[in-house]
Amino acid sequence: SDSIIKNTMQQSFSARELGKVPFEYQVVMANQQ
């Protein structure tokens, strides 16, 4: 899940012409974190 989230976010950044933006994340979904 960690690699999927990071890859998905980077692809979304690239689609918006943001390039490789460094980031850290937290996902809360369906009582999971």
Full PDB file with SEQRES, HELIX, SHEET, SSBOND, CRYST1, ORIGX, SCALE, CONECT and MASTER records, all heavy atoms in Angstrom:
SEQRES   1 A   33  SER ASP SER ILE ILE LYS ASN THR MET GLN GLN SER PHE          
SEQRES   2 A   33  SER ALA ARG GLU LEU GLY LYS VAL PRO PHE GLU TYR GLN          
SEQRES   3 A   33  VAL VAL MET ALA ASN GLN GLN                                  
HELIX    1 AA1 ASP A    2  ALA A   15  1                                  14    
CRYST1    1.000    1.000    1.000  90.00  90.00  90.00 P 1           1          
ORIGX1      1.000000  0.000000  0.000000        0.00000                         
ORIGX2      0.000000  1.000000  0.000000        0.00000                         
ORIGX3      0.000000  0.000000  1.000000        0.00000                         
SCALE1      1.000000  0.000000  0.000000        0.00000                         
SCALE2      0.000000  1.000000  0.000000        0.00000                         
SCALE3      0.000000  0.000000  1.000000        0.00000                         
ATOM      1  N   SER A   1       0.825  -1.219   0.000  1.00  0.00           N  
ATOM      2  CA  SER A   1       0.000   0.000   0.000  1.00  0.00           C  
ATOM      3  C   SER A   1       0.860   1.271   0.000  1.00  0.00           C  
ATOM      4  O   SER A   1       0.542   2.260  -0.670  1.00  0.00           O  
ATOM      5  CB  SER A   1      -0.932   0.004   1.214  1.00  0.00           C  
ATOM      6  OG  SER A   1      -1.856  -1.060   1.131  1.00  0.00           O  
ATOM      7  N   ASP A   2       1.948   1.248   0.750  1.00  0.00           N  
ATOM      8  CA  ASP A   2       2.811   2.428   0.826  1.00  0.00           C  
ATOM      9  C   ASP A   2       3.350   2.804  -0.547  1.00  0.00           C  
ATOM     10  O   ASP A   2       3.270   3.968  -0.979  1.00  0.00           O  
ATOM     11  CB  ASP A   2       3.968   2.175   1.797  1.00  0.00           C  
ATOM     12  CG  ASP A   2       4.899   3.365   1.907  1.00  0.00           C  
ATOM     13  OD1 ASP A   2       4.480   4.402   2.448  1.00  0.00           O  
ATOM     14  OD2 ASP A   2       6.050   3.273   1.415  1.00  0.00           O  
ATOM     15  N   SER A   3       3.916   1.860  -1.273  1.00  0.00           N  
ATOM     16  CA  SER A   3       4.476   2.131  -2.598  1.00  0.00           C  
ATOM     17  C   SER A   3       3.379   2.516  -3.590  1.00  0.00           C  
ATOM     18  O   SER A   3       3.584   3.368  -4.460  1.00  0.00           O  
ATOM     19  CB  SER A   3       5.263   0.924  -3.101  1.00  0.00           C  
ATOM     20  OG  SER A   3       4.421  -0.206  -3.207  1.00  0.00           O  
ATOM     21  N   ILE A   4       2.197   1.895  -3.459  1.00  0.00           N  
ATOM     22  CA  ILE A   4       1.080   2.233  -4.360  1.00  0.00           C  
ATOM     23  C   ILE A   4       0.654   3.692  -4.162  1.00  0.00           C  
ATOM     24  O   ILE A   4       0.454   4.440  -5.125  1.00  0.00           O  
ATOM     25  CB  ILE A   4      -0.108   1.283  -4.127  1.00  0.00           C  
ATOM     26  CG1 ILE A   4       0.250  -0.135  -4.589  1.00  0.00           C  
ATOM     27  CG2 ILE A   4      -1.345   1.787  -4.864  1.00  0.00           C  
ATOM     28  CD1 ILE A   4      -0.828  -1.159  -4.289  1.00  0.00           C  
ATOM     29  N   ILE A   5       0.557   4.095  -2.897  1.00  0.00           N  
ATOM     30  CA  ILE A   5       0.148   5.476  -2.599  1.00  0.00           C  
ATOM     31  C   ILE A   5       1.186   6.462  -3.132  1.00  0.00           C  
ATOM     32  O   ILE A   5       0.851   7.464  -3.779  1.00  0.00           O  
ATOM     33  CB  ILE A   5      -0.062   5.663  -1.090  1.00  0.00           C  
ATOM     34  CG1 ILE A   5      -1.277   4.855  -0.626  1.00  0.00           C  
ATOM     35  CG2 ILE A   5      -0.250   7.133  -0.740  1.00  0.00           C  
ATOM     36  CD1 ILE A   5      -1.468   4.834   0.877  1.00  0.00           C  
ATOM     37  N   LYS A   6       2.449   6.175  -2.892  1.00  0.00           N  
ATOM     38  CA  LYS A   6       3.505   7.092  -3.352  1.00  0.00           C  
ATOM     39  C   LYS A   6       3.545   7.178  -4.876  1.00  0.00           C  
ATOM     40  O   LYS A   6       3.654   8.269  -5.444  1.00  0.00           O  
ATOM     41  CB  LYS A   6       4.857   6.634  -2.813  1.00  0.00           C  
ATOM     42  CG  LYS A   6       5.015   6.848  -1.309  1.00  0.00           C  
ATOM     43  CD  LYS A   6       6.382   6.415  -0.834  1.00  0.00           C  
ATOM     44  CE  LYS A   6       6.547   6.682   0.651  1.00  0.00           C  
ATOM     45  NZ  LYS A   6       7.877   6.235   1.156  1.00  0.00           N  
ATOM     46  N   ASN A   7       3.452   6.039  -5.551  1.00  0.00           N  
ATOM     47  CA  ASN A   7       3.470   6.044  -7.016  1.00  0.00           C  
ATOM     48  C   ASN A   7       2.254   6.776  -7.587  1.00  0.00           C  
ATOM     49  O   ASN A   7       2.364   7.526  -8.568  1.00  0.00           O  
ATOM     50  CB  ASN A   7       3.528   4.614  -7.546  1.00  0.00           C  
ATOM     51  CG  ASN A   7       4.858   3.943  -7.266  1.00  0.00           C  
ATOM     52  OD1 ASN A   7       5.877   4.611  -7.102  1.00  0.00           O  
ATOM     53  ND2 ASN A   7       4.861   2.611  -7.181  1.00  0.00           N  
ATOM     54  N   THR A   8       1.106   6.541  -6.970  1.00  0.00           N  
ATOM     55  CA  THR A   8      -0.116   7.205  -7.439  1.00  0.00           C  
ATOM     56  C   THR A   8      -0.019   8.718  -7.276  1.00  0.00           C  
ATOM     57  O   THR A   8      -0.393   9.492  -8.181  1.00  0.00           O  
ATOM     58  CB  THR A   8      -1.342   6.677  -6.673  1.00  0.00           C  
ATOM     59  OG1 THR A   8      -1.441   5.262  -6.840  1.00  0.00           O  
ATOM     60  CG2 THR A   8      -2.616   7.334  -7.167  1.00  0.00           C  
ATOM     61  N   MET A   9       0.510   9.149  -6.132  1.00  0.00           N  
ATOM     62  CA  MET A   9       0.650  10.585  -5.902  1.00  0.00           C  
ATOM     63  C   MET A   9       1.650  11.199  -6.883  1.00  0.00           C  
ATOM     64  O   MET A   9       1.407  12.282  -7.439  1.00  0.00           O  
ATOM     65  CB  MET A   9       1.100  10.850  -4.463  1.00  0.00           C  
ATOM     66  CG  MET A   9       0.026  10.609  -3.401  1.00  0.00           C  
ATOM     67  SD  MET A   9      -1.458  11.626  -3.650  1.00  0.00           S  
ATOM     68  CE  MET A   9      -0.754  13.267  -3.694  1.00  0.00           C  
ATOM     69  N   GLN A  10       2.762  10.532  -7.125  1.00  0.00           N  
ATOM     70  CA  GLN A  10       3.771  11.062  -8.052  1.00  0.00           C  
ATOM     71  C   GLN A  10       3.214  11.146  -9.471  1.00  0.00           C  
ATOM     72  O   GLN A  10       3.485  12.099 -10.202  1.00  0.00           O  
ATOM     73  CB  GLN A  10       5.036  10.195  -8.023  1.00  0.00           C  
ATOM     74  CG  GLN A  10       5.888  10.339  -6.771  1.00  0.00           C  
ATOM     75  CD  GLN A  10       6.502  11.745  -6.647  1.00  0.00           C  
ATOM     76  OE1 GLN A  10       6.376  12.585  -7.518  1.00  0.00           O  
ATOM     77  NE2 GLN A  10       7.172  11.981  -5.523  1.00  0.00           N  
ATOM     78  N   GLN A  11       2.435  10.154  -9.862  1.00  0.00           N  
ATOM     79  CA  GLN A  11       1.815  10.204 -11.185  1.00  0.00           C  
ATOM     80  C   GLN A  11       0.832  11.376 -11.286  1.00  0.00           C  
ATOM     81  O   GLN A  11       0.761  12.051 -12.318  1.00  0.00           O  
ATOM     82  CB  GLN A  11       1.096   8.885 -11.461  1.00  0.00           C  
ATOM     83  CG  GLN A  11       2.043   7.703 -11.678  1.00  0.00           C  
ATOM     84  CD  GLN A  11       1.294   6.388 -11.807  1.00  0.00           C  
ATOM     85  OE1 GLN A  11       0.060   6.347 -11.814  1.00  0.00           O  
ATOM     86  NE2 GLN A  11       2.035   5.293 -11.898  1.00  0.00           N  
ATOM     87  N   SER A  12       0.092  11.608 -10.209  1.00  0.00           N  
ATOM     88  CA  SER A  12      -0.843  12.735 -10.199  1.00  0.00           C  
ATOM     89  C   SER A  12      -0.093  14.066 -10.255  1.00  0.00           C  
ATOM     90  O   SER A  12      -0.511  15.007 -10.945  1.00  0.00           O  
ATOM     91  CB  SER A  12      -1.724  12.686  -8.944  1.00  0.00           C  
ATOM     92  OG  SER A  12      -2.503  11.504  -8.927  1.00  0.00           O  
ATOM     93  N   PHE A  13       1.041  14.148  -9.534  1.00  0.00           N  
ATOM     94  CA  PHE A  13       1.858  15.361  -9.584  1.00  0.00           C  
ATOM     95  C   PHE A  13       2.402  15.602 -10.992  1.00  0.00           C  
ATOM     96  O   PHE A  13       2.383  16.722 -11.498  1.00  0.00           O  
ATOM     97  CB  PHE A  13       3.018  15.264  -8.590  1.00  0.00           C  
ATOM     98  CG  PHE A  13       2.591  15.340  -7.143  1.00  0.00           C  
ATOM     99  CD1 PHE A  13       3.396  14.808  -6.140  1.00  0.00           C  
ATOM    100  CD2 PHE A  13       1.398  15.949  -6.785  1.00  0.00           C  
ATOM    101  CE1 PHE A  13       3.018  14.881  -4.823  1.00  0.00           C  
ATOM    102  CE2 PHE A  13       1.003  16.021  -5.460  1.00  0.00           C  
ATOM    103  CZ  PHE A  13       1.817  15.487  -4.478  1.00  0.00           C  
ATOM    104  N   SER A  14       2.877  14.530 -11.612  1.00  0.00           N  
ATOM    105  CA  SER A  14       3.434  14.661 -12.961  1.00  0.00           C  
ATOM    106  C   SER A  14       2.356  15.080 -13.954  1.00  0.00           C  
ATOM    107  O   SER A  14       2.615  15.864 -14.871  1.00  0.00           O  
ATOM    108  CB  SER A  14       4.066  13.332 -13.400  1.00  0.00           C  
ATOM    109  OG  SER A  14       5.138  12.981 -12.546  1.00  0.00           O  
ATOM    110  N   ALA A  15       1.140  14.568 -13.773  1.00  0.00           N  
ATOM    111  CA  ALA A  15       0.047  14.934 -14.665  1.00  0.00           C  
ATOM    112  C   ALA A  15      -0.293  16.413 -14.555  1.00  0.00           C  
ATOM    113  O   ALA A  15      -0.758  17.024 -15.519  1.00  0.00           O  
ATOM    114  CB  ALA A  15      -1.185  14.090 -14.361  1.00  0.00           C  
ATOM    115  N   ARG A  16      -0.035  17.014 -13.387  1.00  0.00           N  
ATOM    116  CA  ARG A  16      -0.283  18.441 -13.187  1.00  0.00           C  
ATOM    117  C   ARG A  16       0.976  19.270 -13.427  1.00  0.00           C  
ATOM    118  O   ARG A  16       1.030  20.452 -13.090  1.00  0.00           O  
ATOM    119  CB  ARG A  16      -0.776  18.691 -11.749  1.00  0.00           C  
ATOM    120  CG  ARG A  16      -2.051  17.968 -11.361  1.00  0.00           C  
ATOM    121  CD  ARG A  16      -3.212  18.324 -12.252  1.00  0.00           C  
ATOM    122  NE  ARG A  16      -3.434  19.770 -12.315  1.00  0.00           N  
ATOM    123  CZ  ARG A  16      -4.332  20.353 -13.084  1.00  0.00           C  
ATOM    124  NH1 ARG A  16      -5.099  19.613 -13.872  1.00  0.00           N  
ATOM    125  NH2 ARG A  16      -4.481  21.661 -13.084  1.00  0.00           N  
ATOM    126  N   GLU A  17       2.020  18.634 -14.022  1.00  0.00           N  
ATOM    127  CA  GLU A  17       3.286  19.296 -14.355  1.00  0.00           C  
ATOM    128  C   GLU A  17       3.980  19.852 -13.116  1.00  0.00           C  
ATOM    129  O   GLU A  17       4.585  20.924 -13.144  1.00  0.00           O  
ATOM    130  CB  GLU A  17       3.057  20.412 -15.374  1.00  0.00           C  
ATOM    131  CG  GLU A  17       2.498  19.916 -16.704  1.00  0.00           C  
ATOM    132  CD  GLU A  17       2.326  21.036 -17.726  1.00  0.00           C  
ATOM    133  OE1 GLU A  17       2.539  22.206 -17.353  1.00  0.00           O  
ATOM    134  OE2 GLU A  17       1.988  20.736 -18.879  1.00  0.00           O  
ATOM    135  N   LEU A  18       3.877  19.091 -12.029  1.00  0.00           N  
ATOM    136  CA  LEU A  18       4.549  19.494 -10.794  1.00  0.00           C  
ATOM    137  C   LEU A  18       5.918  18.841 -10.640  1.00  0.00           C  
ATOM    138  O   LEU A  18       6.703  19.235  -9.766  1.00  0.00           O  
ATOM    139  CB  LEU A  18       3.678  19.138  -9.582  1.00  0.00           C  
ATOM    140  CG  LEU A  18       2.382  19.933  -9.443  1.00  0.00           C  
ATOM    141  CD1 LEU A  18       1.501  19.331  -8.361  1.00  0.00           C  
ATOM    142  CD2 LEU A  18       2.681  21.392  -9.139  1.00  0.00           C  
ATOM    143  N   GLY A  19       6.184  17.833 -11.446  1.00  0.00           N  
ATOM    144  CA  GLY A  19       7.465  17.141 -11.334  1.00  0.00           C  
ATOM    145  C   GLY A  19       7.520  16.255 -10.110  1.00  0.00           C  
ATOM    146  O   GLY A  19       6.494  15.858  -9.542  1.00  0.00           O  
ATOM    147  N   LYS A  20       8.737  15.956  -9.673  1.00  0.00           N  
ATOM    148  CA  LYS A  20       8.922  15.112  -8.496  1.00  0.00           C  
ATOM    149  C   LYS A  20       8.904  15.974  -7.239  1.00  0.00           C  
ATOM    150  O   LYS A  20       9.903  16.564  -6.863  1.00  0.00           O  
ATOM    151  CB  LYS A  20      10.242  14.345  -8.598  1.00  0.00           C  
ATOM    152  CG  LYS A  20      10.249  13.303  -9.712  1.00  0.00           C  
ATOM    153  CD  LYS A  20      11.550  12.506  -9.693  1.00  0.00           C  
ATOM    154  CE  LYS A  20      11.522  11.420 -10.780  1.00  0.00           C  
ATOM    155  NZ  LYS A  20      12.767  10.622 -10.791  1.00  0.00           N  
ATOM    156  N   VAL A  21       7.745  16.030  -6.621  1.00  0.00           N  
ATOM    157  CA  VAL A  21       7.580  16.819  -5.402  1.00  0.00           C  
ATOM    158  C   VAL A  21       7.784  15.910  -4.196  1.00  0.00           C  
ATOM    159  O   VAL A  21       7.069  14.906  -4.043  1.00  0.00           O  
ATOM    160  CB  VAL A  21       6.177  17.462  -5.352  1.00  0.00           C  
ATOM    161  CG1 VAL A  21       5.991  18.234  -4.048  1.00  0.00           C  
ATOM    162  CG2 VAL A  21       5.960  18.360  -6.553  1.00  0.00           C  
ATOM    163  N   PRO A  22       8.728  16.211  -3.320  1.00  0.00           N  
ATOM    164  CA  PRO A  22       8.905  15.387  -2.117  1.00  0.00           C  
ATOM    165  C   PRO A  22       7.722  15.577  -1.171  1.00  0.00           C  
ATOM    166  O   PRO A  22       7.245  16.704  -0.977  1.00  0.00           O  
ATOM    167  CB  PRO A  22      10.206  15.941  -1.504  1.00  0.00           C  
ATOM    168  CG  PRO A  22      10.297  17.343  -2.004  1.00  0.00           C  
ATOM    169  CD  PRO A  22       9.692  17.343  -3.377  1.00  0.00           C  
ATOM    170  N   PHE A  23       7.253  14.505  -0.570  1.00  0.00           N  
ATOM    171  CA  PHE A  23       6.101  14.623   0.324  1.00  0.00           C  
ATOM    172  C   PHE A  23       6.071  13.441   1.285  1.00  0.00           C  
ATOM    173  O   PHE A  23       6.652  12.386   1.036  1.00  0.00           O  
ATOM    174  CB  PHE A  23       4.794  14.681  -0.479  1.00  0.00           C  
ATOM    175  CG  PHE A  23       4.426  13.374  -1.131  1.00  0.00           C  
ATOM    176  CD1 PHE A  23       3.564  12.476  -0.511  1.00  0.00           C  
ATOM    177  CD2 PHE A  23       4.968  13.021  -2.364  1.00  0.00           C  
ATOM    178  CE1 PHE A  23       3.231  11.261  -1.106  1.00  0.00           C  
ATOM    179  CE2 PHE A  23       4.639  11.820  -2.970  1.00  0.00           C  
ATOM    180  CZ  PHE A  23       3.770  10.938  -2.346  1.00  0.00           C  
ATOM    181  N   GLU A  24       5.374  13.654   2.385  1.00  0.00           N  
ATOM    182  CA  GLU A  24       5.016  12.598   3.316  1.00  0.00           C  
ATOM    183  C   GLU A  24       3.498  12.623   3.445  1.00  0.00           C  
ATOM    184  O   GLU A  24       2.869  13.673   3.287  1.00  0.00           O  
ATOM    185  CB  GLU A  24       5.689  12.809   4.673  1.00  0.00           C  
ATOM    186  CG  GLU A  24       7.214  12.773   4.632  1.00  0.00           C  
ATOM    187  CD  GLU A  24       7.783  11.412   4.258  1.00  0.00           C  
ATOM    188  OE1 GLU A  24       7.124  10.391   4.592  1.00  0.00           O  
ATOM    189  OE2 GLU A  24       8.864  11.371   3.646  1.00  0.00           O  
ATOM    190  N   TYR A  25       2.890  11.474   3.761  1.00  0.00           N  
ATOM    191  CA  TYR A  25       1.425  11.398   3.708  1.00  0.00           C  
ATOM    192  C   TYR A  25       0.850  10.663   4.912  1.00  0.00           C  
ATOM    193  O   TYR A  25       1.542   9.941   5.638  1.00  0.00           O  
ATOM    194  CB  TYR A  25       0.979  10.680   2.427  1.00  0.00           C  
ATOM    195  CG  TYR A  25       1.293   9.192   2.456  1.00  0.00           C  
ATOM    196  CD1 TYR A  25       0.392   8.280   3.009  1.00  0.00           C  
ATOM    197  CD2 TYR A  25       2.492   8.709   1.956  1.00  0.00           C  
ATOM    198  CE1 TYR A  25       0.681   6.928   3.062  1.00  0.00           C  
ATOM    199  CE2 TYR A  25       2.797   7.373   2.001  1.00  0.00           C  
ATOM    200  CZ  TYR A  25       1.897   6.475   2.553  1.00  0.00           C  
ATOM    201  OH  TYR A  25       2.198   5.131   2.617  1.00  0.00           O  
ATOM    202  N   GLN A  26      -0.450  10.875   5.054  1.00  0.00           N  
ATOM    203  CA  GLN A  26      -1.254  10.094   5.996  1.00  0.00           C  
ATOM    204  C   GLN A  26      -2.628   9.875   5.355  1.00  0.00           C  
ATOM    205  O   GLN A  26      -3.273  10.829   4.941  1.00  0.00           O  
ATOM    206  CB  GLN A  26      -1.413  10.796   7.335  1.00  0.00           C  
ATOM    207  CG  GLN A  26      -2.196   9.968   8.355  1.00  0.00           C  
ATOM    208  CD  GLN A  26      -2.411  10.712   9.662  1.00  0.00           C  
ATOM    209  OE1 GLN A  26      -3.205  11.651   9.706  1.00  0.00           O  
ATOM    210  NE2 GLN A  26      -1.704  10.293  10.702  1.00  0.00           N  
ATOM    211  N   VAL A  27      -3.037   8.617   5.276  1.00  0.00           N  
ATOM    212  CA  VAL A  27      -4.324   8.269   4.697  1.00  0.00           C  
ATOM    213  C   VAL A  27      -5.193   7.661   5.788  1.00  0.00           C  
ATOM    214  O   VAL A  27      -4.762   6.729   6.484  1.00  0.00           O  
ATOM    215  CB  VAL A  27      -4.174   7.273   3.526  1.00  0.00           C  
ATOM    216  CG1 VAL A  27      -5.553   6.921   2.954  1.00  0.00           C  
ATOM    217  CG2 VAL A  27      -3.291   7.858   2.440  1.00  0.00           C  
ATOM    218  N   VAL A  28      -6.387   8.207   5.931  1.00  0.00           N  
ATOM    219  CA  VAL A  28      -7.379   7.634   6.842  1.00  0.00           C  
ATOM    220  C   VAL A  28      -8.587   7.268   5.988  1.00  0.00           C  
ATOM    221  O   VAL A  28      -9.197   8.136   5.364  1.00  0.00           O  
ATOM    222  CB  VAL A  28      -7.781   8.629   7.949  1.00  0.00           C  
ATOM    223  CG1 VAL A  28      -8.850   8.017   8.850  1.00  0.00           C  
ATOM    224  CG2 VAL A  28      -6.557   9.035   8.754  1.00  0.00           C  
ATOM    225  N   MET A  29      -8.889   5.970   5.966  1.00  0.00           N  
ATOM    226  CA  MET A  29      -9.954   5.514   5.082  1.00  0.00           C  
ATOM    227  C   MET A  29     -10.580   4.250   5.647  1.00  0.00           C  
ATOM    228  O   MET A  29      -9.870   3.284   5.963  1.00  0.00           O  
ATOM    229  CB  MET A  29      -9.379   5.248   3.677  1.00  0.00           C  
ATOM    230  CG  MET A  29     -10.424   5.001   2.607  1.00  0.00           C  
ATOM    231  SD  MET A  29      -9.728   5.150   0.947  1.00  0.00           S  
ATOM    232  CE  MET A  29      -8.297   4.054   1.036  1.00  0.00           C  
ATOM    233  N   ALA A  30     -11.916   4.270   5.817  1.00  0.00           N  
ATOM    234  CA  ALA A  30     -12.659   3.105   6.311  1.00  0.00           C  
ATOM    235  C   ALA A  30     -12.072   2.592   7.623  1.00  0.00           C  
ATOM    236  O   ALA A  30     -11.808   1.397   7.786  1.00  0.00           O  
ATOM    237  CB  ALA A  30     -12.678   2.002   5.265  1.00  0.00           C  
ATOM    238  N   ASN A  31     -11.864   3.535   8.556  1.00  0.00           N  
ATOM    239  CA  ASN A  31     -11.341   3.202   9.880  1.00  0.00           C  
ATOM    240  C   ASN A  31      -9.949   2.586   9.833  1.00  0.00           C  
ATOM    241  O   ASN A  31      -9.525   1.930  10.786  1.00  0.00           O  
ATOM    242  CB  ASN A  31     -12.300   2.249  10.617  1.00  0.00           C  
ATOM    243  CG  ASN A  31     -13.637   2.912  10.898  1.00  0.00           C  
ATOM    244  OD1 ASN A  31     -13.705   4.093  11.208  1.00  0.00           O  
ATOM    245  ND2 ASN A  31     -14.718   2.144  10.757  1.00  0.00           N  
ATOM    246  N   GLN A  32      -9.253   2.779   8.734  1.00  0.00           N  
ATOM    247  CA  GLN A  32      -7.862   2.338   8.623  1.00  0.00           C  
ATOM    248  C   GLN A  32      -6.979   3.572   8.444  1.00  0.00           C  
ATOM    249  O   GLN A  32      -7.419   4.597   7.912  1.00  0.00           O  
ATOM    250  CB  GLN A  32      -7.676   1.391   7.438  1.00  0.00           C  
ATOM    251  CG  GLN A  32      -8.519   0.119   7.495  1.00  0.00           C  
ATOM    252  CD  GLN A  32      -8.259  -0.753   6.281  1.00  0.00           C  
ATOM    253  OE1 GLN A  32      -7.151  -1.231   6.063  1.00  0.00           O  
ATOM    254  NE2 GLN A  32      -9.304  -0.959   5.491  1.00  0.00           N  
ATOM    255  N   GLN A  33      -5.753   3.442   8.865  1.00  0.00           N  
ATOM    256  CA  GLN A  33      -4.843   4.578   8.766  1.00  0.00           C  
ATOM    257  C   GLN A  33      -3.462   4.089   8.345  1.00  0.00           C  
ATOM    258  O   GLN A  33      -2.968   3.071   8.841  1.00  0.00           O  
ATOM    259  CB  GLN A  33      -4.733   5.318  10.117  1.00  0.00           C  
ATOM    260  CG  GLN A  33      -3.736   6.469  10.117  1.00  0.00           C  
ATOM    261  CD  GLN A  33      -3.730   7.220  11.435  1.00  0.00           C  
ATOM    262  OE1 GLN A  33      -4.776   7.696  11.890  1.00  0.00           O  
ATOM    263  NE2 GLN A  33      -2.562   7.312  12.057  1.00  0.00           N  
TER     264      GLN A  33                                                      
MASTER        0    0    0    1    0    0    0    6  263    1    0    3          
END                                                                             
